[in-house]
Amino acid sequence: MAQNAPKPPDPVQRATTLSAMRYPIFRRVWFASISSHFGGMIQSVGASWLMLSIAQSADMVALVQASVALPVMLFSLVAGAMADNFDRRRMMLGAQVFMLVVSVALAICAWSGVITPWLLLLFTFLIGSGAAFNSPAWHASVGDMVPRGELPGAVALNSMGFNLARSVGPAIGGAIVAAAGAAAAFAINAVSYLALVVVLARWRPERSPRLLPREALGSAMMTGVRYVAMSPAVRTVLGRAAFFGVGASAVMALMPLVAQDLVGGGPLTFGLLLGAFGVGAVSGAMGSTRLREALSTEGLVRGACIAFAAAVAIAAMSSLLVLTMAALLLAGAAWVLAMSTFNVTVQLSTPRWVVARSLSLYQMAAFGGMALGSWLWGFLANLADVRMALLAAAAVMVVCALIGLLAPLARLTELNLDPLSRFKEPATAVQVQPRTGPVVVTVEYRIGEEDVLEFLGAMAERRRIRRRDGARNWRVLRDLADPEVWIERYETPTWLDYLRHNSRLTHDDATIPEQLRTLHRGPGGPRVRRMIERHTIPLHTEPASGSQSLTEPAGDSTRTS
């Protein structure tokens, strides 16, 4: 019997930011994550300040943040494919244990004094790699912990938890680094993973029965890429998130230099600035529900971009700690509102079978933008100064807001992306195995002349859905002898791919086949033929003495019903 499966809330209770806390497993994981987030913030302060002390270079300091973000761009798609095909809980557990071991090794190296700038970057890269394999499984698992209607609040709570740690953790980290050194910060981070490891080890989530074999890793990755490429709403989120990441990364990448050069402080000042950013993020998460009710998805993101630009410009021109902290409060609120909106939009636009891969591609876009931005702003700060780099980042955020005029985010609608589950494996007169193929499918319609335009419009959406779910070489054909006859044709590499393709249709997708059935004039619905492509085999018989050669000439491929 599965433990801690999410139960539906009381229907009279309205979903709010905090209502996801009604679900025990979400609550336990959330509180355990707080410990890990605190450790991560303390480790981040230690790594950034240690790099500043051993490298004395703005671009090396910025590379600390880049080394954490880069693995997400490199490994997220692999992690997403694994999270959609394997046990997500075990993936998260393995990633947490890996990060614990690396953090222990980092603490030992720092304590013994053998750490170098490039070794520090290696350790932060490894910790980032663990986070990259953990993140898609974690974000996809939120839907296993709470019902779909609670997702926006749960995602906002996750952002709030991370930024609650950010609001206090950096200040604590600054004090620890000032009092005991970076090695102590790294050791505390290692201990912080233990609570989450224990909670994940005890969680037994409910698992839906797997009706088809797992996809091969390479095929699963390409399926995720294809799904996102053929999903306009998700594709727009990825582009906007990447651009937002480039501009927003300036704050975290250059904050040690803001503390040292613009405000004139030390590790404690750095911690206070990070803390102000975190408090702003918590405030943004708490107010996210009301803002989502008042603004459209695009309006919320566009407002967040403008607010972030204003905050970064103020921080660039300020030399007062209080004013800079106030600006970072605004930047933190804008950050969490934009990032949580991107995350929720992806989750609510994607069915469960591919949600981890979609989230991993979103994270690759966002963190790829952050990695690029971290390097870019560090380079610009070295080339000119910190103030100029921050002002350039503010300009990028204004452009990000303007892009929304051309490529707005889709509104969050109540899509039913559960599997339609109407398809049953058809019986075949010819024996087939999972690897049998290629499979060619034709669907024959009879369409009246007055319905042709509506039919072609529906088929355009049909094409997108077919290709998104794995069909190849999709075509629509018209019979020259009988103008009412139209044939939809597509292929799948194997019979197993054909079964997967049809199992991916969702309730929301079902409107298109229903529309096509309505337009069809023939009796009994559109006629479906499933065929296996076969090639003729040339038969050659060597002529014996005094005999003639018997040869069957090779011909074009034939298709057997």
Protein backbone atom coordinates (compact mmCIF):
# COMPACT_ATOMS: atom_id res chain seq x y z
CA MET A 1 0.00 0.00 0.00
CA ALA A 2 1.51 3.36 -0.99
CA GLN A 3 2.11 5.81 1.82
CA ASN A 4 1.61 9.57 1.79
CA ALA A 5 -0.35 9.64 -1.49
CA PRO A 6 -1.97 13.06 -1.91
CA LYS A 7 -5.67 13.11 -1.05
CA PRO A 8 -8.10 15.59 -2.57
CA PRO A 9 -8.70 18.63 -0.36
CA ASP A 10 -12.10 19.66 0.93
CA PRO A 11 -13.83 21.05 -2.17
CA VAL A 12 -14.94 24.16 -0.29
CA GLN A 13 -11.35 25.03 0.53
CA ARG A 14 -9.79 27.47 -1.89
CA ALA A 15 -6.25 26.80 -3.08
CA THR A 16 -3.82 29.38 -1.68
CA THR A 17 -0.06 29.67 -1.47
CA LEU A 18 -0.02 27.83 1.88
CA SER A 19 -2.74 25.24 1.22
CA ALA A 20 -0.26 22.74 -0.25
CA MET A 21 1.04 22.33 3.31
CA ARG A 22 -2.07 20.25 4.03
CA TYR A 23 -0.36 17.28 2.36
CA PRO A 24 1.99 15.47 4.79
CA ILE A 25 4.68 14.35 2.35
CA PHE A 26 4.94 17.77 0.74
CA ARG A 27 5.19 19.34 4.18
CA ARG A 28 7.95 16.93 5.30
CA VAL A 29 9.99 17.33 2.13
CA TRP A 30 9.55 21.11 2.24
CA PHE A 31 10.87 21.42 5.79
CA ALA A 32 13.73 19.00 5.10
CA SER A 33 14.59 21.03 1.99
CA ILE A 34 14.85 24.17 4.13
CA SER A 35 17.82 22.59 5.90
CA SER A 36 19.48 21.77 2.59
CA HIS A 37 18.78 25.26 1.24
CA PHE A 38 20.35 26.84 4.33
CA GLY A 39 23.44 24.73 3.84
CA GLY A 40 23.58 25.64 0.17
CA MET A 41 23.39 29.37 0.91
CA ILE A 42 26.11 29.09 3.54
CA GLN A 43 28.26 27.11 1.10
CA SER A 44 27.65 29.72 -1.63
CA VAL A 45 28.89 32.54 0.61
CA GLY A 46 31.93 30.49 1.57
CA ALA A 47 32.80 29.59 -2.03
CA SER A 48 32.34 33.13 -3.38
CA TRP A 49 34.31 34.79 -0.61
CA LEU A 50 37.04 32.13 -0.66
CA MET A 51 37.41 32.65 -4.42
CA LEU A 52 37.67 36.41 -3.91
CA SER A 53 40.46 35.87 -1.38
CA ILE A 54 42.52 33.33 -3.37
CA ALA A 55 41.98 34.62 -6.92
CA GLN A 56 41.52 38.40 -6.63
CA SER A 57 39.72 38.44 -9.99
CA ALA A 58 36.19 39.54 -10.86
CA ASP A 59 35.75 36.96 -13.62
CA MET A 60 36.86 34.08 -11.35
CA VAL A 61 34.36 35.21 -8.69
CA ALA A 62 31.62 35.27 -11.31
CA LEU A 63 32.65 31.78 -12.48
CA VAL A 64 31.68 30.37 -9.07
CA GLN A 65 28.03 31.00 -9.95
CA ALA A 66 28.62 29.86 -13.54
CA SER A 67 30.11 26.56 -12.34
CA VAL A 68 26.91 25.85 -10.40
CA ALA A 69 24.61 26.81 -13.28
CA LEU A 70 26.56 25.15 -16.11
CA PRO A 71 25.87 21.51 -15.04
CA VAL A 72 22.15 22.21 -15.17
CA MET A 73 22.52 23.17 -18.82
CA LEU A 74 24.71 20.15 -19.56
CA PHE A 75 22.94 17.36 -17.67
CA SER A 76 19.32 18.40 -17.14
CA LEU A 77 17.95 16.66 -20.24
CA VAL A 78 19.59 13.35 -19.27
CA ALA A 79 18.25 13.79 -15.74
CA GLY A 80 14.77 14.61 -17.03
CA ALA A 81 14.68 11.53 -19.26
CA MET A 82 15.76 9.38 -16.32
CA ALA A 83 13.18 10.99 -14.02
CA ASP A 84 10.36 10.22 -16.50
CA ASN A 85 11.48 6.59 -16.87
CA PHE A 86 12.78 5.60 -13.43
CA ASP A 87 11.89 6.06 -9.77
CA ARG A 88 12.08 9.79 -9.07
CA ARG A 89 12.45 9.27 -5.33
CA ARG A 90 15.56 7.13 -5.82
CA MET A 91 17.02 9.69 -8.21
CA MET A 92 16.60 12.45 -5.65
CA LEU A 93 18.03 10.26 -2.90
CA GLY A 94 21.10 9.38 -4.96
CA ALA A 95 21.70 13.02 -5.91
CA GLN A 96 21.48 14.16 -2.28
CA VAL A 97 23.95 11.51 -1.13
CA PHE A 98 26.34 12.45 -3.97
CA MET A 99 26.24 16.15 -2.99
CA LEU A 100 26.82 15.22 0.66
CA VAL A 101 29.99 13.28 -0.25
CA VAL A 102 31.33 16.07 -2.49
CA SER A 103 30.66 18.67 0.20
CA VAL A 104 32.59 16.61 2.75
CA ALA A 105 35.53 16.39 0.33
CA LEU A 106 35.40 20.17 -0.30
CA ALA A 107 35.41 20.89 3.42
CA ILE A 108 38.44 18.63 3.95
CA CYS A 109 40.40 20.27 1.12
CA ALA A 110 39.59 23.75 2.35
CA TRP A 111 40.46 22.85 5.93
CA SER A 112 43.81 21.39 4.92
CA GLY A 113 44.67 24.47 2.83
CA VAL A 114 45.14 22.67 -0.50
CA ILE A 115 42.25 24.42 -2.25
CA THR A 116 43.04 26.37 -5.45
CA PRO A 117 40.73 28.51 -7.63
CA TRP A 118 40.28 25.77 -10.23
CA LEU A 119 39.84 23.03 -7.61
CA LEU A 120 37.17 25.15 -5.95
CA LEU A 121 35.43 25.52 -9.30
CA LEU A 122 35.61 21.74 -9.80
CA PHE A 123 33.93 21.08 -6.46
CA THR A 124 31.21 23.65 -7.10
CA PHE A 125 30.70 22.11 -10.56
CA LEU A 126 30.25 18.66 -8.98
CA ILE A 127 27.75 20.02 -6.46
CA GLY A 128 25.95 21.71 -9.34
CA SER A 129 25.93 18.38 -11.19
CA GLY A 130 24.22 16.71 -8.25
CA ALA A 131 21.66 19.51 -8.22
CA ALA A 132 21.16 19.07 -11.98
CA PHE A 133 20.22 15.39 -11.55
CA ASN A 134 18.08 16.15 -8.50
CA SER A 135 16.11 19.09 -9.87
CA PRO A 136 13.93 17.57 -12.66
CA ALA A 137 12.95 14.65 -10.43
CA TRP A 138 12.17 17.02 -7.55
CA HIS A 139 10.07 19.46 -9.56
CA ALA A 140 8.21 16.64 -11.35
CA SER A 141 7.56 14.93 -7.99
CA VAL A 142 5.64 17.94 -6.69
CA GLY A 143 2.75 16.72 -8.87
CA ASP A 144 2.99 13.36 -7.05
CA MET A 145 2.73 15.09 -3.67
CA VAL A 146 -0.16 17.50 -4.27
CA PRO A 147 -3.16 17.61 -6.67
CA ARG A 148 -2.90 19.56 -9.91
CA GLY A 149 -4.94 22.49 -8.55
CA GLU A 150 -2.38 23.01 -5.79
CA LEU A 151 0.64 23.15 -8.14
CA PRO A 152 0.92 26.97 -8.40
CA GLY A 153 0.89 27.31 -4.62
CA ALA A 154 3.29 24.39 -4.14
CA VAL A 155 5.76 25.82 -6.66
CA ALA A 156 5.53 29.23 -4.98
CA LEU A 157 6.12 27.56 -1.60
CA ASN A 158 9.21 25.83 -2.94
CA SER A 159 10.53 29.17 -4.17
CA MET A 160 9.63 30.71 -0.84
CA GLY A 161 11.48 27.96 1.04
CA PHE A 162 14.59 28.43 -1.04
CA ASN A 163 14.47 32.20 -0.61
CA LEU A 164 13.62 31.99 3.08
CA ALA A 165 16.95 30.21 3.45
CA ARG A 166 18.51 32.84 1.17
CA SER A 167 17.18 35.63 3.38
CA VAL A 168 18.88 34.34 6.52
CA GLY A 169 21.42 31.77 5.36
CA PRO A 170 23.83 34.19 3.64
CA ALA A 171 23.99 36.41 6.71
CA ILE A 172 24.72 33.34 8.82
CA GLY A 173 27.20 32.20 6.16
CA GLY A 174 28.95 35.56 6.20
CA ALA A 175 29.27 35.40 9.99
CA ILE A 176 30.58 31.81 9.81
CA VAL A 177 33.14 32.69 7.13
CA ALA A 178 34.26 35.76 9.08
CA ALA A 179 34.57 33.80 12.34
CA ALA A 180 35.70 30.30 11.28
CA GLY A 181 36.59 30.42 7.59
CA ALA A 182 35.15 28.92 4.44
CA ALA A 183 35.92 25.32 5.47
CA ALA A 184 33.40 25.56 8.32
CA ALA A 185 30.75 26.78 5.86
CA PHE A 186 31.42 23.77 3.61
CA ALA A 187 31.18 21.35 6.56
CA ILE A 188 27.83 22.79 7.63
CA ASN A 189 26.55 22.38 4.09
CA ALA A 190 27.50 18.69 4.15
CA VAL A 191 25.50 18.12 7.35
CA SER A 192 22.48 19.99 5.91
CA TYR A 193 21.74 17.20 3.40
CA LEU A 194 21.00 14.61 6.10
CA ALA A 195 17.39 15.62 6.88
CA LEU A 196 16.30 15.39 3.24
CA VAL A 197 18.10 12.06 2.80
CA VAL A 198 16.13 10.61 5.74
CA VAL A 199 12.75 11.92 4.50
CA LEU A 200 13.31 10.63 0.96
CA ALA A 201 14.48 7.25 2.25
CA ARG A 202 11.19 6.84 4.16
CA TRP A 203 8.83 8.12 1.43
CA ARG A 204 6.89 5.47 -0.48
CA PRO A 205 5.01 7.29 -3.28
CA GLU A 206 2.13 5.74 -5.18
CA ARG A 207 3.19 4.51 -8.62
CA SER A 208 0.91 4.10 -11.63
CA PRO A 209 1.35 0.72 -13.33
CA ARG A 210 3.73 0.85 -16.30
CA LEU A 211 1.91 -0.62 -19.30
CA LEU A 212 4.77 -0.25 -21.81
CA PRO A 213 8.53 -0.86 -21.50
CA ARG A 214 10.81 2.03 -20.61
CA GLU A 215 12.21 4.09 -23.44
CA ALA A 216 15.91 3.90 -24.17
CA LEU A 217 17.71 6.92 -22.72
CA GLY A 218 18.66 8.45 -26.07
CA SER A 219 15.17 7.95 -27.46
CA ALA A 220 13.60 9.40 -24.31
CA MET A 221 15.78 12.51 -24.57
CA MET A 222 14.83 13.07 -28.22
CA THR A 223 11.16 12.51 -27.34
CA GLY A 224 11.37 15.28 -24.74
CA VAL A 225 13.07 17.66 -27.18
CA ARG A 226 10.48 16.89 -29.85
CA TYR A 227 7.58 17.37 -27.45
CA VAL A 228 8.81 20.80 -26.36
CA ALA A 229 9.67 21.82 -29.94
CA MET A 230 6.10 21.01 -31.01
CA SER A 231 4.49 22.74 -27.99
CA PRO A 232 4.32 26.51 -28.66
CA ALA A 233 3.38 27.46 -25.09
CA VAL A 234 6.34 25.60 -23.57
CA ARG A 235 8.72 26.79 -26.30
CA THR A 236 7.88 30.41 -25.52
CA VAL A 237 8.55 29.86 -21.81
CA LEU A 238 12.01 28.46 -22.60
CA GLY A 239 12.99 31.46 -24.70
CA ARG A 240 11.78 33.98 -22.14
CA ALA A 241 13.38 32.10 -19.24
CA ALA A 242 16.76 32.02 -21.04
CA PHE A 243 16.67 35.76 -21.69
CA PHE A 244 15.54 36.46 -18.12
CA GLY A 245 18.37 34.28 -16.79
CA VAL A 246 20.99 36.27 -18.71
CA GLY A 247 19.89 39.57 -17.18
CA ALA A 248 18.99 38.34 -13.70
CA SER A 249 22.28 36.47 -13.19
CA ALA A 250 24.12 39.77 -12.74
CA VAL A 251 22.80 40.17 -9.19
CA MET A 252 24.10 36.86 -7.86
CA ALA A 253 27.28 36.80 -9.94
CA LEU A 254 28.40 40.31 -8.99
CA MET A 255 27.01 40.60 -5.47
CA PRO A 256 30.40 39.98 -3.76
CA LEU A 257 31.80 42.86 -5.82
CA VAL A 258 28.77 45.03 -5.03
CA ALA A 259 29.42 44.40 -1.34
CA GLN A 260 33.13 45.13 -1.63
CA ASP A 261 33.42 47.85 -4.31
CA LEU A 262 30.10 49.74 -4.32
CA VAL A 263 29.07 49.50 -0.66
CA GLY A 264 32.54 49.09 0.84
CA GLY A 265 31.85 46.10 3.09
CA GLY A 266 33.11 42.61 3.81
CA PRO A 267 31.68 39.09 4.21
CA LEU A 268 28.97 40.22 6.62
CA THR A 269 27.83 42.93 4.21
CA PHE A 270 27.74 40.35 1.43
CA GLY A 271 25.55 38.15 3.61
CA LEU A 272 23.21 41.05 4.38
CA LEU A 273 22.78 41.84 0.70
CA LEU A 274 21.97 38.21 -0.10
CA GLY A 275 19.62 38.21 2.86
CA ALA A 276 17.77 41.26 1.53
CA PHE A 277 17.37 39.54 -1.82
CA GLY A 278 15.98 36.46 -0.05
CA VAL A 279 13.51 38.44 2.08
CA GLY A 280 12.21 40.08 -1.08
CA ALA A 281 11.82 36.66 -2.68
CA VAL A 282 9.82 35.38 0.31
CA SER A 283 7.55 38.43 0.07
CA GLY A 284 7.08 37.83 -3.65
CA ALA A 285 6.16 34.17 -3.06
CA MET A 286 3.64 35.07 -0.36
CA GLY A 287 1.96 37.62 -2.61
CA SER A 288 2.07 35.48 -5.75
CA THR A 289 -1.48 34.10 -5.44
CA ARG A 290 -3.10 37.54 -5.34
CA LEU A 291 -0.90 38.81 -8.15
CA ARG A 292 -1.83 35.83 -10.34
CA GLU A 293 -5.49 36.59 -9.74
CA ALA A 294 -5.02 40.26 -10.67
CA LEU A 295 -2.63 39.89 -13.63
CA SER A 296 -2.29 37.66 -16.65
CA THR A 297 0.70 35.33 -16.88
CA GLU A 298 2.41 37.67 -19.34
CA GLY A 299 1.52 40.75 -17.28
CA LEU A 300 3.07 39.21 -14.18
CA VAL A 301 6.34 38.31 -15.95
CA ARG A 302 6.55 41.64 -17.76
CA GLY A 303 6.05 43.53 -14.49
CA ALA A 304 8.69 41.37 -12.81
CA CYS A 305 11.20 42.19 -15.58
CA ILE A 306 10.62 45.94 -15.24
CA ALA A 307 10.86 45.78 -11.44
CA PHE A 308 14.09 43.78 -11.64
CA ALA A 309 15.58 46.27 -14.10
CA ALA A 310 14.74 49.17 -11.79
CA ALA A 311 16.20 47.36 -8.78
CA VAL A 312 19.47 46.52 -10.54
CA ALA A 313 19.85 50.12 -11.78
CA ILE A 314 19.37 51.45 -8.24
CA ALA A 315 21.92 48.97 -6.87
CA ALA A 316 24.39 50.07 -9.55
CA MET A 317 24.14 53.74 -8.60
CA SER A 318 23.90 53.33 -4.81
CA SER A 319 26.77 53.46 -2.34
CA LEU A 320 24.51 53.19 0.71
CA LEU A 321 23.96 49.77 2.26
CA VAL A 322 20.34 50.52 3.21
CA LEU A 323 19.39 51.73 -0.28
CA THR A 324 21.13 48.77 -1.95
CA MET A 325 19.33 46.34 0.38
CA ALA A 326 15.99 47.99 -0.47
CA ALA A 327 16.73 47.57 -4.19
CA LEU A 328 17.61 43.92 -3.67
CA LEU A 329 14.35 43.37 -1.79
CA LEU A 330 12.54 44.41 -4.97
CA ALA A 331 14.87 42.30 -7.15
CA GLY A 332 14.22 39.22 -4.99
CA ALA A 333 10.44 39.60 -5.26
CA ALA A 334 10.66 40.05 -9.04
CA TRP A 335 12.98 37.04 -9.34
CA VAL A 336 10.69 34.59 -7.56
CA LEU A 337 7.55 35.83 -9.31
CA ALA A 338 9.09 35.38 -12.76
CA MET A 339 10.81 32.04 -12.10
CA SER A 340 7.84 30.44 -10.33
CA THR A 341 5.55 31.62 -13.15
CA PHE A 342 7.83 30.02 -15.74
CA ASN A 343 7.89 26.78 -13.73
CA VAL A 344 4.12 26.63 -13.23
CA THR A 345 3.45 27.41 -16.89
CA VAL A 346 5.62 24.48 -17.97
CA GLN A 347 4.03 22.08 -15.47
CA LEU A 348 0.46 23.05 -16.34
CA SER A 349 1.19 22.83 -20.08
CA THR A 350 2.74 19.35 -19.98
CA PRO A 351 1.31 15.86 -19.30
CA ARG A 352 2.87 13.74 -16.57
CA TRP A 353 4.61 11.30 -18.92
CA VAL A 354 6.99 14.01 -20.19
CA VAL A 355 6.86 16.61 -17.41
CA ALA A 356 10.37 15.96 -16.05
CA ARG A 357 11.91 16.29 -19.52
CA SER A 358 9.99 19.50 -20.17
CA LEU A 359 11.11 20.90 -16.83
CA SER A 360 14.69 19.84 -17.51
CA LEU A 361 14.67 21.71 -20.83
CA TYR A 362 13.21 24.74 -19.08
CA GLN A 363 15.98 24.56 -16.51
CA MET A 364 18.58 24.16 -19.24
CA ALA A 365 17.28 27.33 -20.86
CA ALA A 366 17.09 29.31 -17.60
CA PHE A 367 20.39 28.13 -16.13
CA GLY A 368 22.10 28.27 -19.51
CA GLY A 369 21.11 31.93 -19.60
CA MET A 370 22.41 32.36 -16.06
CA ALA A 371 25.72 30.65 -16.87
CA LEU A 372 26.18 32.83 -19.95
CA GLY A 373 25.15 35.93 -18.03
CA SER A 374 27.48 35.16 -15.10
CA TRP A 375 30.44 34.98 -17.48
CA LEU A 376 29.28 38.02 -19.47
CA TRP A 377 28.82 40.30 -16.46
CA GLY A 378 32.10 39.18 -14.89
CA PHE A 379 33.90 39.92 -18.17
CA LEU A 380 32.22 43.33 -18.45
CA ALA A 381 33.03 44.15 -14.82
CA ASN A 382 36.70 43.40 -15.53
CA LEU A 383 36.61 45.33 -18.80
CA ALA A 384 34.85 48.40 -17.38
CA ASP A 385 33.54 48.25 -13.80
CA VAL A 386 30.81 46.69 -11.67
CA ARG A 387 28.47 49.66 -12.08
CA MET A 388 28.57 49.47 -15.88
CA ALA A 389 27.92 45.71 -15.82
CA LEU A 390 24.85 46.17 -13.60
CA LEU A 391 23.42 48.92 -15.79
CA ALA A 392 23.88 46.73 -18.86
CA ALA A 393 22.03 43.91 -17.07
CA ALA A 394 19.17 46.33 -16.27
CA ALA A 395 18.92 47.14 -19.99
CA VAL A 396 18.70 43.42 -20.80
CA MET A 397 15.77 43.06 -18.38
CA VAL A 398 13.92 45.92 -20.09
CA VAL A 399 14.40 44.14 -23.42
CA CYS A 400 13.08 40.93 -21.83
CA ALA A 401 9.88 42.78 -20.90
CA LEU A 402 9.54 44.19 -24.43
CA ILE A 403 9.93 40.72 -25.96
CA GLY A 404 6.60 39.90 -24.32
CA LEU A 405 4.91 42.18 -26.82
CA LEU A 406 6.01 39.86 -29.63
CA ALA A 407 6.05 36.49 -27.81
CA PRO A 408 3.66 36.64 -24.84
CA LEU A 409 3.32 33.74 -22.45
CA ALA A 410 0.11 31.73 -22.72
CA ARG A 411 -2.50 32.16 -20.02
CA LEU A 412 -2.59 29.42 -17.40
CA THR A 413 -5.74 27.49 -18.26
CA GLU A 414 -7.30 24.42 -16.72
CA LEU A 415 -6.11 21.90 -19.29
CA ASN A 416 -6.91 18.24 -18.71
CA LEU A 417 -3.61 16.59 -19.61
CA ASP A 418 -4.43 13.19 -18.12
CA PRO A 419 -4.09 10.30 -20.61
CA LEU A 420 -7.25 9.74 -22.63
CA SER A 421 -6.81 5.96 -22.13
CA ARG A 422 -9.25 5.01 -24.88
CA PHE A 423 -6.68 3.32 -27.08
CA LYS A 424 -6.38 -0.45 -26.87
CA GLU A 425 -3.74 -2.43 -28.70
CA PRO A 426 -5.44 -3.66 -31.88
CA ALA A 427 -5.48 -7.32 -32.87
CA THR A 428 -3.51 -8.06 -36.03
CA ALA A 429 -3.76 -10.91 -38.51
CA VAL A 430 -0.03 -10.61 -39.17
CA GLN A 431 2.02 -11.42 -36.08
CA VAL A 432 3.90 -8.42 -34.70
CA GLN A 433 6.53 -7.95 -31.99
CA PRO A 434 7.46 -4.70 -30.19
CA ARG A 435 10.41 -4.20 -32.58
CA THR A 436 8.38 -4.92 -35.71
CA GLY A 437 8.41 -1.98 -38.11
CA PRO A 438 8.39 0.49 -39.67
CA VAL A 439 4.65 0.85 -39.13
CA VAL A 440 2.64 2.89 -41.65
CA VAL A 441 -0.82 4.12 -40.62
CA THR A 442 -3.47 5.62 -42.87
CA VAL A 443 -6.81 7.13 -41.80
CA GLU A 444 -9.37 7.62 -44.57
CA TYR A 445 -12.03 10.35 -44.32
CA ARG A 446 -14.90 11.40 -46.54
CA ILE A 447 -15.21 15.20 -46.37
CA GLY A 448 -17.80 17.35 -48.15
CA GLU A 449 -16.55 20.26 -50.25
CA GLU A 450 -18.14 22.80 -47.89
CA ASP A 451 -16.17 21.33 -44.92
CA VAL A 452 -12.74 21.23 -46.56
CA LEU A 453 -11.39 24.43 -44.98
CA GLU A 454 -12.51 23.39 -41.51
CA PHE A 455 -11.06 19.92 -42.11
CA LEU A 456 -7.67 21.32 -43.15
CA GLY A 457 -7.61 23.61 -40.13
CA ALA A 458 -8.25 20.65 -37.82
CA MET A 459 -5.63 18.60 -39.64
CA ALA A 460 -3.02 21.32 -39.04
CA GLU A 461 -3.49 20.84 -35.29
CA ARG A 462 -3.66 17.07 -35.82
CA ARG A 463 -0.25 17.25 -37.53
CA ARG A 464 1.26 19.12 -34.57
CA ILE A 465 -0.12 16.62 -32.05
CA ARG A 466 0.92 13.60 -34.13
CA ARG A 467 4.49 14.87 -34.60
CA ARG A 468 4.74 15.99 -30.98
CA ASP A 469 3.79 12.49 -29.79
CA GLY A 470 6.26 10.68 -32.06
CA ALA A 471 4.78 10.29 -35.56
CA ARG A 472 7.09 10.66 -38.56
CA ASN A 473 6.54 11.61 -42.19
CA TRP A 474 3.01 12.87 -41.53
CA ARG A 475 1.06 13.68 -44.71
CA VAL A 476 -2.49 14.50 -45.75
CA LEU A 477 -3.53 13.29 -49.24
CA ARG A 478 -6.54 13.86 -51.49
CA ASP A 479 -7.86 11.27 -53.91
CA LEU A 480 -7.81 12.58 -57.50
CA ALA A 481 -10.58 10.23 -58.61
CA ASP A 482 -12.91 10.88 -55.66
CA PRO A 483 -12.47 14.45 -54.26
CA GLU A 484 -14.34 13.60 -51.06
CA VAL A 485 -11.68 11.06 -50.03
CA TRP A 486 -8.86 12.42 -47.85
CA ILE A 487 -6.15 10.24 -46.31
CA GLU A 488 -4.01 11.03 -43.29
CA ARG A 489 -0.74 9.08 -43.38
CA TYR A 490 2.09 8.80 -40.85
CA GLU A 491 4.78 6.37 -39.72
CA THR A 492 6.37 5.14 -36.52
CA PRO A 493 9.70 3.27 -36.38
CA THR A 494 8.29 0.20 -34.56
CA TRP A 495 5.06 -1.30 -33.30
CA LEU A 496 6.05 -0.34 -29.75
CA ASP A 497 6.51 3.27 -30.88
CA TYR A 498 3.04 3.11 -32.42
CA LEU A 499 1.57 1.97 -29.09
CA ARG A 500 3.44 4.70 -27.23
CA HIS A 501 2.28 7.30 -29.74
CA ASN A 502 -1.38 6.47 -29.20
CA SER A 503 -1.09 6.17 -25.41
CA ARG A 504 0.12 9.80 -25.21
CA LEU A 505 -3.15 11.38 -26.37
CA THR A 506 -4.65 13.51 -23.57
CA HIS A 507 -8.22 14.56 -22.80
CA ASP A 508 -7.36 18.04 -24.05
CA ASP A 509 -6.08 16.62 -27.36
CA ALA A 510 -9.29 14.63 -27.88
CA THR A 511 -11.20 17.62 -29.25
CA ILE A 512 -9.39 17.31 -32.61
CA PRO A 513 -10.26 13.66 -33.36
CA GLU A 514 -13.83 14.37 -32.21
CA GLN A 515 -14.02 17.29 -34.64
CA LEU A 516 -12.67 15.14 -37.47
CA ARG A 517 -15.16 12.36 -36.75
CA THR A 518 -17.94 14.93 -36.89
CA LEU A 519 -16.77 16.17 -40.30
CA HIS A 520 -16.46 12.62 -41.69
CA ARG A 521 -19.44 11.61 -43.88
CA GLY A 522 -18.85 7.90 -44.28
CA PRO A 523 -20.51 5.16 -42.22
CA GLY A 524 -18.76 3.80 -39.14
CA GLY A 525 -16.20 6.55 -38.70
CA PRO A 526 -12.88 7.12 -40.51
CA ARG A 527 -11.25 3.91 -41.76
CA VAL A 528 -7.88 3.11 -40.18
CA ARG A 529 -5.30 0.83 -41.81
CA ARG A 530 -2.16 -0.27 -39.99
CA MET A 531 0.58 -1.65 -42.21
CA ILE A 532 4.15 -2.89 -41.86
CA GLU A 533 6.62 -1.81 -44.49
CA ARG A 534 8.31 -4.73 -46.23
CA HIS A 535 10.71 -4.98 -49.18
CA THR A 536 10.67 -7.59 -51.89
CA ILE A 537 13.61 -10.01 -51.83
CA PRO A 538 15.48 -10.67 -55.09
CA LEU A 539 15.77 -14.41 -55.60
CA HIS A 540 18.81 -15.53 -57.66
CA THR A 541 19.33 -19.15 -58.71
CA GLU A 542 22.67 -20.05 -60.22
CA PRO A 543 22.06 -21.83 -63.57
CA ALA A 544 23.18 -25.40 -63.58
CA SER A 545 24.74 -26.97 -66.67
CA GLY A 546 22.15 -27.22 -69.41
CA SER A 547 19.53 -25.31 -67.36
CA GLN A 548 18.13 -21.76 -67.44
CA SER A 549 18.36 -19.03 -64.72
CA LEU A 550 15.19 -18.30 -62.77
CA THR A 551 15.23 -14.78 -61.35
CA GLU A 552 12.49 -12.73 -59.59
CA PRO A 553 13.28 -9.08 -60.31
CA ALA A 554 13.53 -6.67 -57.36
CA GLY A 555 10.75 -4.15 -57.17
CA ASP A 556 9.57 -1.23 -55.04
CA SER A 557 8.70 -1.77 -51.40
CA THR A 558 5.29 -3.23 -50.69
CA ARG A 559 3.20 -2.79 -47.58
CA THR A 560 1.39 -5.68 -45.99
CA SER A 561 -1.82 -5.04 -44.09
